[in-house]
N, C-alpha and C. Protein backbone atom coordinates (compact mmCIF):
# COMPACT_ATOMS: atom_id res chain seq x y z
N MET A 1 0.68 -0.72 0.02
CA MET A 1 -0.11 0.01 0.15
C MET A 1 1.14 1.16 0.21
N GLU A 2 0.68 2.15 -0.68
CA GLU A 2 1.12 3.32 -0.87
C GLU A 2 0.52 4.57 -0.11
N ASN A 3 0.79 5.59 1.11
CA ASN A 3 1.02 6.79 0.50
C ASN A 3 1.53 7.80 0.31
N GLU A 4 0.53 9.12 0.90
CA GLU A 4 0.30 10.29 -0.44
C GLU A 4 2.09 10.59 0.00
N TYR A 5 3.12 9.93 0.83
CA TYR A 5 4.13 10.70 1.07
C TYR A 5 5.77 10.11 0.00
N SER A 6 4.95 8.02 0.09
CA SER A 6 6.11 7.83 -0.68
C SER A 6 6.29 8.62 -2.30
N LYS A 7 5.82 9.72 -2.84
CA LYS A 7 6.49 9.82 -3.85
C LYS A 7 6.74 11.25 -3.67
N VAL A 8 7.25 12.09 -2.27
CA VAL A 8 8.15 13.27 -2.39
C VAL A 8 9.12 12.86 -2.24
N LYS A 9 9.77 13.97 -3.29
CA LYS A 9 11.36 14.11 -3.72
C LYS A 9 11.93 14.57 -1.99
N VAL A 10 13.11 13.83 -1.43
CA VAL A 10 13.73 14.45 -0.39
C VAL A 10 15.04 14.40 -0.82
N ASN A 11 15.52 14.61 0.64
CA ASN A 11 16.82 15.56 0.09
C ASN A 11 17.18 15.80 -1.17
N ASN A 12 17.06 17.24 -1.53
CA ASN A 12 16.95 17.76 -2.67
C ASN A 12 17.40 19.18 -2.48
N GLU A 13 17.55 19.02 -1.74
CA GLU A 13 18.68 20.92 -1.37
C GLU A 13 19.99 20.90 -2.27
N ILE A 14 19.95 22.19 -2.13
CA ILE A 14 21.52 22.78 -3.39
C ILE A 14 22.52 23.64 -2.04
N ASP A 15 23.28 24.35 -1.76
CA ASP A 15 23.98 24.81 -1.57
C ASP A 15 24.22 26.56 -2.79
N PHE A 16 22.86 27.33 -2.05
CA PHE A 16 23.50 28.63 -3.17
C PHE A 16 23.62 29.34 -3.14
N CYS A 17 24.59 29.81 -2.16
CA CYS A 17 24.76 31.22 -1.95
C CYS A 17 25.89 31.13 -0.95
N SER A 18 26.73 32.19 -0.76
CA SER A 18 28.01 32.00 0.93
C SER A 18 28.09 33.40 1.49
N VAL A 19 27.80 33.87 1.69
CA VAL A 19 28.23 35.46 2.49
C VAL A 19 29.08 35.68 3.26
N THR A 20 29.80 36.71 3.94
CA THR A 20 30.20 36.84 5.56
C THR A 20 29.86 38.05 5.75
N ASP A 21 29.16 38.31 5.71
CA ASP A 21 29.13 39.67 5.56
C ASP A 21 27.50 40.17 6.77
N ALA A 22 27.28 40.38 8.21
CA ALA A 22 25.89 39.94 8.47
C ALA A 22 24.84 40.39 7.89
N ASP A 23 24.81 41.56 7.84
CA ASP A 23 24.26 43.09 6.38
C ASP A 23 23.76 42.31 5.23
N VAL A 24 24.80 41.69 4.60
CA VAL A 24 24.50 41.11 3.41
C VAL A 24 22.85 39.74 3.92
N LYS A 25 23.12 39.39 4.65
CA LYS A 25 22.91 37.87 5.12
C LYS A 25 21.09 38.64 5.28
N VAL A 26 21.10 39.73 6.19
CA VAL A 26 20.05 40.37 6.07
C VAL A 26 19.10 40.49 4.99
N VAL A 27 20.52 41.09 4.29
CA VAL A 27 18.78 41.61 2.50
C VAL A 27 18.69 40.60 2.21
N ILE A 28 19.93 39.32 1.61
CA ILE A 28 18.79 38.34 1.46
C ILE A 28 18.35 37.56 2.10
N GLU A 29 18.17 37.70 2.88
CA GLU A 29 17.21 37.11 3.67
C GLU A 29 15.77 37.67 3.76
N LYS A 30 15.61 38.86 3.69
CA LYS A 30 14.40 39.78 3.50
C LYS A 30 14.02 39.82 2.40
N ALA A 31 15.07 39.37 0.69
CA ALA A 31 14.66 39.62 -0.65
C ALA A 31 13.57 38.16 0.01
N PHE A 32 14.23 36.76 -0.01
CA PHE A 32 13.69 35.50 -0.38
C PHE A 32 12.59 35.75 0.57
N MET A 33 12.50 36.31 2.07
CA MET A 33 10.98 35.74 2.24
C MET A 33 9.60 36.32 1.40
N LYS A 34 10.34 38.06 1.05
CA LYS A 34 9.38 37.61 -0.19
C LYS A 34 9.13 37.75 -0.90
N ALA A 35 9.99 36.72 -1.80
CA ALA A 35 9.61 35.92 -3.00
C ALA A 35 9.46 35.03 -2.70
N ARG A 36 9.00 34.50 -1.09
CA ARG A 36 8.55 33.01 -0.26
C ARG A 36 9.34 31.84 -0.47
N VAL A 37 10.58 31.82 -1.04
CA VAL A 37 12.00 31.22 -1.48
C VAL A 37 12.11 30.36 0.07
N SER A 38 11.84 29.02 -0.24
CA SER A 38 12.08 29.43 1.63
C SER A 38 13.89 28.69 1.51
N TYR A 39 14.09 29.11 2.41
CA TYR A 39 16.04 28.85 2.93
C TYR A 39 15.91 28.13 4.16
N PHE A 40 17.55 27.42 4.04
CA PHE A 40 17.30 27.65 5.63
C PHE A 40 19.01 28.33 5.84
N LEU A 41 19.98 28.40 6.93
CA LEU A 41 21.14 29.20 6.82
C LEU A 41 21.89 27.87 7.11
N ARG A 42 23.58 27.45 6.85
CA ARG A 42 24.14 26.94 7.60
C ARG A 42 25.55 27.06 7.74
N TRP A 43 26.08 27.72 8.81
CA TRP A 43 27.83 28.05 9.38
C TRP A 43 28.84 27.13 8.93
N GLU A 44 30.03 27.98 8.78
CA GLU A 44 30.62 27.18 8.86
C GLU A 44 31.01 28.29 9.01
N LYS A 45 32.88 27.51 9.96
CA LYS A 45 33.13 27.76 10.63
C LYS A 45 35.09 28.13 9.74
N PRO A 46 35.59 29.13 9.97
CA PRO A 46 37.22 28.96 9.42
C PRO A 46 37.75 27.96 9.80
N GLY A 47 38.42 26.88 9.34
CA GLY A 47 39.23 26.70 9.39
C GLY A 47 40.79 26.42 10.26
N LEU A 48 41.28 26.00 11.16
CA LEU A 48 42.22 26.71 12.28
C LEU A 48 43.91 27.40 11.53
N LEU A 49 44.03 27.28 10.12
CA LEU A 49 45.43 28.02 10.08
C LEU A 49 44.38 29.56 9.23
N SER A 50 42.81 29.27 8.62
CA SER A 50 42.74 30.62 8.13
C SER A 50 42.49 31.32 9.84
N LYS A 51 41.96 31.24 11.21
CA LYS A 51 42.09 31.67 11.88
C LYS A 51 43.26 32.18 12.78
N ILE A 52 44.04 31.33 12.05
CA ILE A 52 45.58 31.74 12.90
C ILE A 52 46.66 33.14 11.75
N PHE A 53 46.08 32.91 10.38
CA PHE A 53 46.30 33.90 9.66
C PHE A 53 45.97 34.62 8.67
N GLY A 54 44.67 34.18 8.99
CA GLY A 54 43.87 34.91 8.29
C GLY A 54 42.61 36.50 8.63
N GLY A 55 42.07 35.86 10.03
CA GLY A 55 40.76 36.05 10.72
C GLY A 55 39.94 36.36 9.92
N ARG A 56 39.89 34.83 8.98
CA ARG A 56 38.50 35.12 8.53
C ARG A 56 37.16 34.83 9.30
N LYS A 57 36.24 35.58 8.36
CA LYS A 57 35.09 35.62 9.40
C LYS A 57 34.15 33.96 8.74
N PRO A 58 33.29 33.58 9.45
CA PRO A 58 32.53 32.38 9.74
C PRO A 58 31.58 32.14 8.17
N ASP A 59 31.92 31.60 7.04
CA ASP A 59 31.29 31.99 5.46
C ASP A 59 29.64 31.37 6.05
N ILE A 60 28.93 32.16 5.54
CA ILE A 60 27.19 31.44 6.21
C ILE A 60 26.12 30.97 4.85
N VAL A 61 26.05 29.86 4.77
CA VAL A 61 25.25 29.27 3.15
C VAL A 61 23.98 29.65 3.27
N PHE A 62 23.45 29.63 2.56
CA PHE A 62 21.73 30.05 2.00
C PHE A 62 21.55 28.29 1.27
N CYS A 63 21.37 27.28 2.03
CA CYS A 63 20.94 26.11 1.70
C CYS A 63 19.33 26.62 0.78
N ILE A 64 18.83 26.01 -0.48
CA ILE A 64 17.39 26.39 -1.06
C ILE A 64 16.60 24.77 -1.43
N ASN A 65 15.76 25.00 -2.03
CA ASN A 65 15.10 23.70 -2.19
C ASN A 65 15.36 23.87 -3.76
N SER A 66 16.38 22.91 -4.17
CA SER A 66 16.05 22.68 -6.07
C SER A 66 15.49 23.38 -6.91
N ALA A 67 13.86 23.04 -6.17
CA ALA A 67 13.15 23.71 -8.10
C ALA A 67 12.81 24.59 -7.11
N GLN A 68 12.93 25.69 -6.11
CA GLN A 68 13.36 27.32 -6.63
C GLN A 68 14.06 27.60 -7.24
N LEU A 69 14.85 27.12 -7.74
CA LEU A 69 16.70 27.79 -7.51
C LEU A 69 16.31 28.80 -9.16
N GLU A 70 15.90 28.61 -10.13
CA GLU A 70 15.56 29.66 -11.01
C GLU A 70 15.22 30.72 -9.50
N VAL A 71 13.95 30.97 -9.33
CA VAL A 71 12.94 32.64 -8.48
C VAL A 71 14.66 32.66 -7.77
N ALA A 72 14.95 32.00 -7.11
CA ALA A 72 16.24 32.56 -6.29
C ALA A 72 17.38 33.08 -6.48
N GLU A 73 17.71 32.33 -8.01
CA GLU A 73 18.13 33.16 -8.86
C GLU A 73 17.58 35.05 -9.23
N GLU A 74 16.53 34.79 -9.29
CA GLU A 74 16.32 36.17 -9.88
C GLU A 74 15.85 36.67 -8.49
N VAL A 75 15.55 36.43 -7.87
CA VAL A 75 15.80 37.65 -6.59
C VAL A 75 16.88 38.04 -6.34
N LEU A 76 18.27 37.82 -6.26
CA LEU A 76 19.16 37.92 -6.27
C LEU A 76 19.91 38.82 -7.05
N GLY A 77 19.20 38.72 -8.47
CA GLY A 77 19.99 39.58 -9.90
C GLY A 77 18.96 40.78 -9.52
N GLU A 78 17.73 40.93 -8.70
CA GLU A 78 17.65 41.79 -8.54
C GLU A 78 17.93 42.63 -7.52
N LEU A 79 19.27 42.78 -6.73
CA LEU A 79 19.54 43.19 -5.59
C LEU A 79 20.82 44.09 -6.01
N GLY A 80 21.13 43.68 -6.85
CA GLY A 80 22.54 44.12 -7.59
C GLY A 80 23.45 44.89 -7.55
N ASP A 81 23.45 45.79 -6.45
CA ASP A 81 24.73 46.12 -5.74
C ASP A 81 25.35 46.08 -4.58
N ILE A 82 24.60 44.38 -4.14
CA ILE A 82 25.89 43.44 -2.56
C ILE A 82 26.09 42.40 -3.86
N GLU A 83 26.28 41.82 -5.54
CA GLU A 83 26.39 41.25 -5.70
C GLU A 83 28.18 40.78 -5.40
N SER A 84 28.71 42.35 -5.09
CA SER A 84 30.05 41.27 -5.93
C SER A 84 30.13 40.76 -3.56
N SER A 85 29.32 41.11 -2.94
CA SER A 85 29.54 40.10 -1.74
C SER A 85 29.31 38.99 -1.69
N ILE A 86 28.33 38.15 -2.83
CA ILE A 86 27.84 36.99 -2.35
C ILE A 86 28.92 35.77 -3.46
N LYS A 87 29.45 34.72 -2.90
CA LYS A 87 30.01 34.18 -3.35
C LYS A 87 29.09 32.67 -3.81
N MET A 88 28.04 32.29 -5.35
CA MET A 88 27.31 31.74 -6.20
C MET A 88 27.77 30.64 -5.72
N LEU A 89 27.45 29.79 -4.99
CA LEU A 89 27.46 28.10 -5.30
C LEU A 89 27.07 26.80 -5.52
N ARG A 90 25.40 27.01 -5.92
CA ARG A 90 24.98 25.71 -6.99
C ARG A 90 25.68 25.05 -6.42
N THR A 91 25.90 24.49 -5.57
CA THR A 91 26.14 22.74 -5.27
C THR A 91 25.01 21.48 -4.62
N LYS A 92 25.67 20.56 -4.82
CA LYS A 92 24.32 19.60 -4.02
C LYS A 92 24.91 19.62 -3.13
N SER A 93 23.92 20.49 -1.94
CA SER A 93 24.05 20.00 -0.50
C SER A 93 24.35 18.99 0.36
N ASN A 94 24.79 18.95 1.06
CA ASN A 94 25.51 17.56 2.00
C ASN A 94 25.19 17.37 3.12
N ASN A 95 24.39 18.17 2.86
CA ASN A 95 24.11 18.08 4.88
C ASN A 95 23.36 16.71 5.47
N LYS A 96 24.04 17.19 6.64
CA LYS A 96 23.69 14.98 7.02
C LYS A 96 23.37 15.71 8.31
N ILE A 97 22.61 15.09 9.18
CA ILE A 97 22.49 15.16 10.70
C ILE A 97 22.94 13.76 10.79
N GLY A 98 23.84 13.67 12.17
CA GLY A 98 23.77 12.55 13.07
C GLY A 98 23.97 12.37 14.03
N PHE A 99 23.18 11.90 14.91
CA PHE A 99 23.39 11.76 16.66
C PHE A 99 24.36 11.15 16.51
């Protein structure tokens, strides 16, 4: 017997883009909310060598559903002036939940 959830596609998240500036993160979040783009954030801490030599800020990765890729690209295209602060990724997300 097949239920209504058996045809649901799962694990279809992609790492869409990353930023290091908290102000840019807020602008993207507001734009995604306005366009109803579902997303979640993953914070990637810099490695030990980056901390020692560079003092780099953590990367904030926006992960979205692959079905919303076109809408998310349009939203970022409309932001224009902050485009240089955004690193585009567009890769399959490797989000694993471990206990």
